[in-house]
Amino acid sequence: MNKKRIILIAVAAVIIVGGGVWLFGGAKAKHKVTYATATIHKGEISESVTATGTIEPVTEVEVGTQVSGIIDKIHVDYNSVVTKGQLIAEMDRVTLQSELASQRAAYNGAKAEYEY
């Protein structure tokens, strides 16, 4: 290859690359931003949704007792819906009655000692 041919190829390559940059990568027109205005009116917002699916609770509550003992009867099943004040289970009364008698005796003893 002679020098003249190399220079000609180099100039052609520069022209092709320059043309490509000018054609494809030139400055793009900016998009004009448009604004719309509206008058506001005071009113009520109502929202309703009709859908099918499964409802899951945000929180779950574990129910416990303040005393320990043996459960005699259970009145609800797992995942049952319960309301405030509803009886869920009954504890064995024999154990609780003996604990109550013991606590009453301790109370009466402390009361008698206080009054003496």
N, C-alpha and C. Protein backbone atom coordinates (compact mmCIF):
# COMPACT_ATOMS: atom_id res chain seq x y z
N MET A 1 0.83 -1.17 0.00
CA MET A 1 0.00 0.00 0.00
C MET A 1 0.89 1.25 0.00
N ASN A 2 0.51 2.14 -0.81
CA ASN A 2 1.30 3.36 -0.84
C ASN A 2 0.69 4.39 0.11
N LYS A 3 1.43 5.46 0.32
CA LYS A 3 1.04 6.49 1.28
C LYS A 3 -0.25 7.19 0.88
N LYS A 4 -0.41 7.42 -0.39
CA LYS A 4 -1.58 8.13 -0.87
C LYS A 4 -2.87 7.34 -0.57
N ARG A 5 -2.77 6.05 -0.75
CA ARG A 5 -3.93 5.20 -0.51
C ARG A 5 -4.28 5.16 0.98
N ILE A 6 -3.30 5.09 1.87
CA ILE A 6 -3.52 5.07 3.32
C ILE A 6 -4.17 6.38 3.76
N ILE A 7 -3.69 7.49 3.24
CA ILE A 7 -4.27 8.79 3.60
C ILE A 7 -5.72 8.88 3.12
N LEU A 8 -5.99 8.39 1.93
CA LEU A 8 -7.34 8.41 1.39
C LEU A 8 -8.29 7.56 2.24
N ILE A 9 -7.84 6.40 2.68
CA ILE A 9 -8.67 5.53 3.53
C ILE A 9 -8.91 6.20 4.89
N ALA A 10 -7.88 6.84 5.45
CA ALA A 10 -8.01 7.51 6.75
C ALA A 10 -8.99 8.67 6.65
N VAL A 11 -8.91 9.47 5.59
CA VAL A 11 -9.83 10.61 5.41
C VAL A 11 -11.25 10.09 5.23
N ALA A 12 -11.43 9.02 4.47
CA ALA A 12 -12.77 8.45 4.27
C ALA A 12 -13.34 7.94 5.58
N ALA A 13 -12.49 7.31 6.41
CA ALA A 13 -12.95 6.80 7.71
C ALA A 13 -13.38 7.95 8.62
N VAL A 14 -12.61 9.05 8.62
CA VAL A 14 -12.96 10.21 9.45
C VAL A 14 -14.27 10.81 8.98
N ILE A 15 -14.47 10.89 7.68
CA ILE A 15 -15.72 11.45 7.14
C ILE A 15 -16.90 10.55 7.51
N ILE A 16 -16.73 9.26 7.40
CA ILE A 16 -17.82 8.32 7.73
C ILE A 16 -18.16 8.40 9.21
N VAL A 17 -17.15 8.40 10.07
CA VAL A 17 -17.39 8.48 11.52
C VAL A 17 -18.02 9.82 11.87
N GLY A 18 -17.52 10.90 11.30
CA GLY A 18 -18.09 12.23 11.57
C GLY A 18 -19.53 12.32 11.11
N GLY A 19 -19.83 11.78 9.94
CA GLY A 19 -21.20 11.79 9.45
C GLY A 19 -22.13 10.97 10.34
N GLY A 20 -21.63 9.84 10.83
CA GLY A 20 -22.45 9.01 11.73
C GLY A 20 -22.75 9.72 13.04
N VAL A 21 -21.74 10.39 13.58
CA VAL A 21 -21.95 11.14 14.82
C VAL A 21 -22.93 12.27 14.60
N TRP A 22 -22.79 12.98 13.47
CA TRP A 22 -23.68 14.09 13.19
C TRP A 22 -25.12 13.61 12.96
N LEU A 23 -25.26 12.47 12.28
CA LEU A 23 -26.58 11.96 11.93
C LEU A 23 -27.28 11.33 13.14
N PHE A 24 -26.59 10.49 13.90
CA PHE A 24 -27.23 9.74 14.98
C PHE A 24 -27.02 10.34 16.37
N GLY A 25 -25.95 11.01 16.60
CA GLY A 25 -25.66 11.47 17.96
C GLY A 25 -25.72 12.96 18.12
N GLY A 26 -26.29 13.66 17.17
CA GLY A 26 -26.36 15.11 17.24
C GLY A 26 -27.26 15.55 18.38
N ALA A 27 -27.31 16.84 18.59
CA ALA A 27 -28.14 17.40 19.67
C ALA A 27 -29.60 17.08 19.39
N LYS A 28 -30.26 16.54 20.37
CA LYS A 28 -31.66 16.17 20.22
C LYS A 28 -32.52 17.34 20.66
N ALA A 29 -33.64 17.47 20.03
CA ALA A 29 -34.56 18.56 20.39
C ALA A 29 -35.13 18.29 21.78
N LYS A 30 -35.16 19.32 22.59
CA LYS A 30 -35.71 19.17 23.94
C LYS A 30 -37.23 19.09 23.84
N HIS A 31 -37.80 18.25 24.71
CA HIS A 31 -39.25 18.13 24.74
C HIS A 31 -39.83 19.33 25.47
N LYS A 32 -40.80 19.92 24.89
CA LYS A 32 -41.42 21.08 25.51
C LYS A 32 -42.33 20.59 26.64
N VAL A 33 -42.17 21.19 27.81
CA VAL A 33 -42.98 20.82 28.97
C VAL A 33 -44.27 21.60 28.92
N THR A 34 -45.38 20.89 29.03
CA THR A 34 -46.67 21.57 29.03
C THR A 34 -47.30 21.43 30.40
N TYR A 35 -48.05 22.41 30.78
CA TYR A 35 -48.72 22.42 32.08
C TYR A 35 -50.21 22.56 31.86
N ALA A 36 -50.97 21.92 32.73
CA ALA A 36 -52.41 22.05 32.68
C ALA A 36 -52.89 22.48 34.06
N THR A 37 -53.82 23.39 34.10
CA THR A 37 -54.36 23.85 35.38
C THR A 37 -55.81 23.46 35.46
N ALA A 38 -56.28 23.33 36.70
CA ALA A 38 -57.68 22.99 36.93
C ALA A 38 -58.15 23.69 38.18
N THR A 39 -59.43 23.93 38.26
CA THR A 39 -60.03 24.56 39.43
C THR A 39 -60.40 23.46 40.42
N ILE A 40 -60.10 23.70 41.71
CA ILE A 40 -60.43 22.68 42.71
C ILE A 40 -61.80 22.97 43.30
N HIS A 41 -62.47 21.91 43.69
CA HIS A 41 -63.79 22.02 44.29
C HIS A 41 -63.81 21.16 45.54
N LYS A 42 -64.44 21.66 46.60
CA LYS A 42 -64.57 20.91 47.84
C LYS A 42 -65.67 19.88 47.66
N GLY A 43 -65.41 18.66 48.11
CA GLY A 43 -66.40 17.60 47.98
C GLY A 43 -66.02 16.41 48.83
N GLU A 44 -66.77 15.36 48.71
CA GLU A 44 -66.51 14.13 49.46
C GLU A 44 -65.84 13.12 48.55
N ILE A 45 -64.98 12.33 49.15
CA ILE A 45 -64.31 11.27 48.41
C ILE A 45 -64.86 9.95 48.92
N SER A 46 -65.37 9.16 48.02
CA SER A 46 -65.85 7.83 48.42
C SER A 46 -65.02 6.80 47.67
N GLU A 47 -64.70 5.75 48.38
CA GLU A 47 -63.84 4.73 47.79
C GLU A 47 -64.41 3.36 48.14
N SER A 48 -64.56 2.52 47.17
CA SER A 48 -65.01 1.16 47.44
C SER A 48 -64.23 0.21 46.53
N VAL A 49 -64.02 -0.98 47.05
CA VAL A 49 -63.27 -1.99 46.31
C VAL A 49 -64.06 -3.28 46.34
N THR A 50 -64.24 -3.89 45.21
CA THR A 50 -64.86 -5.20 45.14
C THR A 50 -63.81 -6.16 44.61
N ALA A 51 -63.51 -7.17 45.42
CA ALA A 51 -62.46 -8.10 45.02
C ALA A 51 -62.68 -9.45 45.69
N THR A 52 -62.05 -10.46 45.15
CA THR A 52 -62.07 -11.77 45.77
C THR A 52 -60.66 -12.10 46.20
N GLY A 53 -60.54 -12.90 47.23
CA GLY A 53 -59.21 -13.28 47.69
C GLY A 53 -59.25 -13.73 49.13
N THR A 54 -58.09 -13.78 49.73
CA THR A 54 -57.95 -14.20 51.11
C THR A 54 -57.53 -13.01 51.95
N ILE A 55 -58.20 -12.84 53.07
CA ILE A 55 -57.85 -11.76 53.99
C ILE A 55 -56.97 -12.35 55.08
N GLU A 56 -55.83 -11.73 55.30
CA GLU A 56 -54.93 -12.17 56.35
C GLU A 56 -54.77 -11.04 57.36
N PRO A 57 -54.71 -11.38 58.65
CA PRO A 57 -54.62 -10.32 59.67
C PRO A 57 -53.26 -9.64 59.64
N VAL A 58 -53.27 -8.37 60.03
CA VAL A 58 -52.02 -7.63 60.15
C VAL A 58 -51.27 -8.13 61.38
N THR A 59 -52.01 -8.38 62.45
CA THR A 59 -51.39 -8.89 63.68
C THR A 59 -52.19 -10.08 64.17
N GLU A 60 -51.52 -10.95 64.87
CA GLU A 60 -52.18 -12.08 65.51
C GLU A 60 -52.02 -11.93 67.01
N VAL A 61 -52.99 -12.41 67.74
CA VAL A 61 -52.95 -12.30 69.19
C VAL A 61 -52.92 -13.70 69.79
N GLU A 62 -51.98 -13.93 70.66
CA GLU A 62 -51.94 -15.18 71.39
C GLU A 62 -52.61 -14.96 72.73
N VAL A 63 -53.57 -15.81 73.04
CA VAL A 63 -54.34 -15.67 74.26
C VAL A 63 -53.70 -16.53 75.34
N GLY A 64 -53.55 -15.96 76.52
CA GLY A 64 -52.97 -16.70 77.64
C GLY A 64 -53.75 -16.41 78.91
N THR A 65 -53.36 -17.04 79.96
CA THR A 65 -54.03 -16.84 81.25
C THR A 65 -53.06 -16.22 82.23
N GLN A 66 -53.62 -15.67 83.30
CA GLN A 66 -52.80 -15.09 84.35
C GLN A 66 -52.37 -16.15 85.36
N VAL A 67 -53.03 -17.28 85.34
CA VAL A 67 -52.69 -18.38 86.25
C VAL A 67 -52.43 -19.63 85.43
N SER A 68 -51.67 -20.54 86.00
CA SER A 68 -51.43 -21.80 85.31
C SER A 68 -52.34 -22.87 85.89
N GLY A 69 -52.64 -23.84 85.10
CA GLY A 69 -53.50 -24.92 85.56
C GLY A 69 -53.84 -25.85 84.42
N ILE A 70 -54.74 -26.77 84.70
CA ILE A 70 -55.15 -27.77 83.72
C ILE A 70 -56.44 -27.30 83.06
N ILE A 71 -56.48 -27.36 81.72
CA ILE A 71 -57.68 -26.96 80.99
C ILE A 71 -58.66 -28.12 81.01
N ASP A 72 -59.89 -27.81 81.43
CA ASP A 72 -60.94 -28.83 81.55
C ASP A 72 -61.77 -28.91 80.26
N LYS A 73 -62.18 -27.76 79.70
CA LYS A 73 -63.00 -27.73 78.49
C LYS A 73 -62.51 -26.61 77.57
N ILE A 74 -62.55 -26.87 76.27
CA ILE A 74 -62.22 -25.86 75.26
C ILE A 74 -63.48 -25.60 74.44
N HIS A 75 -63.89 -24.33 74.36
CA HIS A 75 -65.15 -23.98 73.70
C HIS A 75 -64.98 -23.47 72.26
N VAL A 76 -63.77 -23.23 71.81
CA VAL A 76 -63.53 -22.75 70.44
C VAL A 76 -62.49 -23.63 69.77
N ASP A 77 -62.42 -23.54 68.45
CA ASP A 77 -61.46 -24.32 67.68
C ASP A 77 -60.38 -23.38 67.14
N TYR A 78 -59.30 -23.95 66.63
CA TYR A 78 -58.21 -23.17 66.05
C TYR A 78 -58.74 -22.32 64.90
N ASN A 79 -58.33 -21.07 64.83
CA ASN A 79 -58.75 -20.09 63.82
C ASN A 79 -60.22 -19.69 63.94
N SER A 80 -60.83 -19.93 65.10
CA SER A 80 -62.20 -19.49 65.30
C SER A 80 -62.22 -17.99 65.54
N VAL A 81 -63.29 -17.35 65.10
CA VAL A 81 -63.47 -15.92 65.37
C VAL A 81 -64.09 -15.80 66.75
N VAL A 82 -63.49 -14.99 67.59
CA VAL A 82 -64.00 -14.79 68.95
C VAL A 82 -64.26 -13.31 69.17
N THR A 83 -65.09 -13.02 70.16
CA THR A 83 -65.39 -11.64 70.50
C THR A 83 -64.93 -11.36 71.92
N LYS A 84 -64.85 -10.08 72.25
CA LYS A 84 -64.41 -9.68 73.57
C LYS A 84 -65.39 -10.21 74.61
N GLY A 85 -64.86 -10.84 75.64
CA GLY A 85 -65.68 -11.38 76.72
C GLY A 85 -66.19 -12.80 76.48
N GLN A 86 -65.93 -13.36 75.31
CA GLN A 86 -66.41 -14.71 75.01
C GLN A 86 -65.58 -15.74 75.77
N LEU A 87 -66.25 -16.75 76.32
CA LEU A 87 -65.57 -17.82 77.04
C LEU A 87 -64.87 -18.73 76.03
N ILE A 88 -63.57 -18.86 76.19
CA ILE A 88 -62.77 -19.65 75.26
C ILE A 88 -62.51 -21.04 75.82
N ALA A 89 -62.16 -21.11 77.10
CA ALA A 89 -61.84 -22.40 77.72
C ALA A 89 -62.15 -22.31 79.21
N GLU A 90 -62.30 -23.47 79.83
CA GLU A 90 -62.50 -23.55 81.27
C GLU A 90 -61.36 -24.35 81.87
N MET A 91 -60.87 -23.86 83.00
CA MET A 91 -59.78 -24.56 83.68
C MET A 91 -60.37 -25.49 84.73
N ASP A 92 -59.60 -26.49 85.11
CA ASP A 92 -60.01 -27.44 86.14
C ASP A 92 -60.21 -26.69 87.45
N ARG A 93 -61.41 -26.77 88.01
CA ARG A 93 -61.76 -25.98 89.19
C ARG A 93 -61.12 -26.52 90.47
N VAL A 94 -60.83 -27.79 90.54
CA VAL A 94 -60.29 -28.38 91.77
C VAL A 94 -58.96 -27.72 92.12
N THR A 95 -58.07 -27.61 91.16
CA THR A 95 -56.77 -27.00 91.40
C THR A 95 -56.93 -25.54 91.78
N LEU A 96 -57.80 -24.83 91.07
CA LEU A 96 -58.00 -23.41 91.35
C LEU A 96 -58.65 -23.19 92.71
N GLN A 97 -59.61 -24.04 93.09
CA GLN A 97 -60.27 -23.88 94.39
C GLN A 97 -59.31 -24.15 95.54
N SER A 98 -58.41 -25.12 95.37
CA SER A 98 -57.44 -25.37 96.44
C SER A 98 -56.45 -24.21 96.54
N GLU A 99 -56.05 -23.62 95.43
CA GLU A 99 -55.17 -22.45 95.45
C GLU A 99 -55.89 -21.26 96.09
N LEU A 100 -57.19 -21.09 95.80
CA LEU A 100 -57.97 -20.01 96.40
C LEU A 100 -58.07 -20.19 97.90
N ALA A 101 -58.32 -21.41 98.36
CA ALA A 101 -58.40 -21.68 99.80
C ALA A 101 -57.07 -21.39 100.48
N SER A 102 -55.97 -21.75 99.83
CA SER A 102 -54.64 -21.49 100.38
C SER A 102 -54.38 -19.99 100.48
N GLN A 103 -54.74 -19.24 99.47
CA GLN A 103 -54.54 -17.79 99.48
C GLN A 103 -55.45 -17.10 100.50
N ARG A 104 -56.67 -17.59 100.66
CA ARG A 104 -57.57 -17.02 101.69
C ARG A 104 -57.01 -17.26 103.08
N ALA A 105 -56.46 -18.44 103.32
CA ALA A 105 -55.87 -18.74 104.63
C ALA A 105 -54.68 -17.82 104.89
N ALA A 106 -53.86 -17.59 103.87
CA ALA A 106 -52.71 -16.68 104.03
C ALA A 106 -53.19 -15.26 104.29
N TYR A 107 -54.25 -14.84 103.61
CA TYR A 107 -54.81 -13.50 103.82
C TYR A 107 -55.35 -13.36 105.23
N ASN A 108 -56.14 -14.34 105.66
CA ASN A 108 -56.71 -14.28 107.01
C ASN A 108 -55.62 -14.27 108.07
N GLY A 109 -54.55 -15.04 107.86
CA GLY A 109 -53.43 -15.05 108.81
C GLY A 109 -52.75 -13.70 108.87
N ALA A 110 -52.52 -13.08 107.71
CA ALA A 110 -51.87 -11.77 107.67
C ALA A 110 -52.77 -10.71 108.28
N LYS A 111 -54.08 -10.81 108.04
CA LYS A 111 -55.04 -9.85 108.60
C LYS A 111 -55.08 -9.96 110.12
N ALA A 112 -55.09 -11.20 110.63
CA ALA A 112 -55.13 -11.40 112.09
C ALA A 112 -53.85 -10.87 112.73
N GLU A 113 -52.72 -11.08 112.07
CA GLU A 113 -51.45 -10.59 112.61
C GLU A 113 -51.41 -9.07 112.59
N TYR A 114 -51.98 -8.45 111.56
CA TYR A 114 -52.02 -6.99 111.46
C TYR A 114 -52.91 -6.40 112.55
N GLU A 115 -54.07 -7.03 112.78
CA GLU A 115 -55.01 -6.51 113.77
C GLU A 115 -54.55 -6.76 115.20
N TYR A 116 -53.65 -7.70 115.44
CA TYR A 116 -53.19 -8.01 116.78
C TYR A 116 -52.32 -6.91 117.25
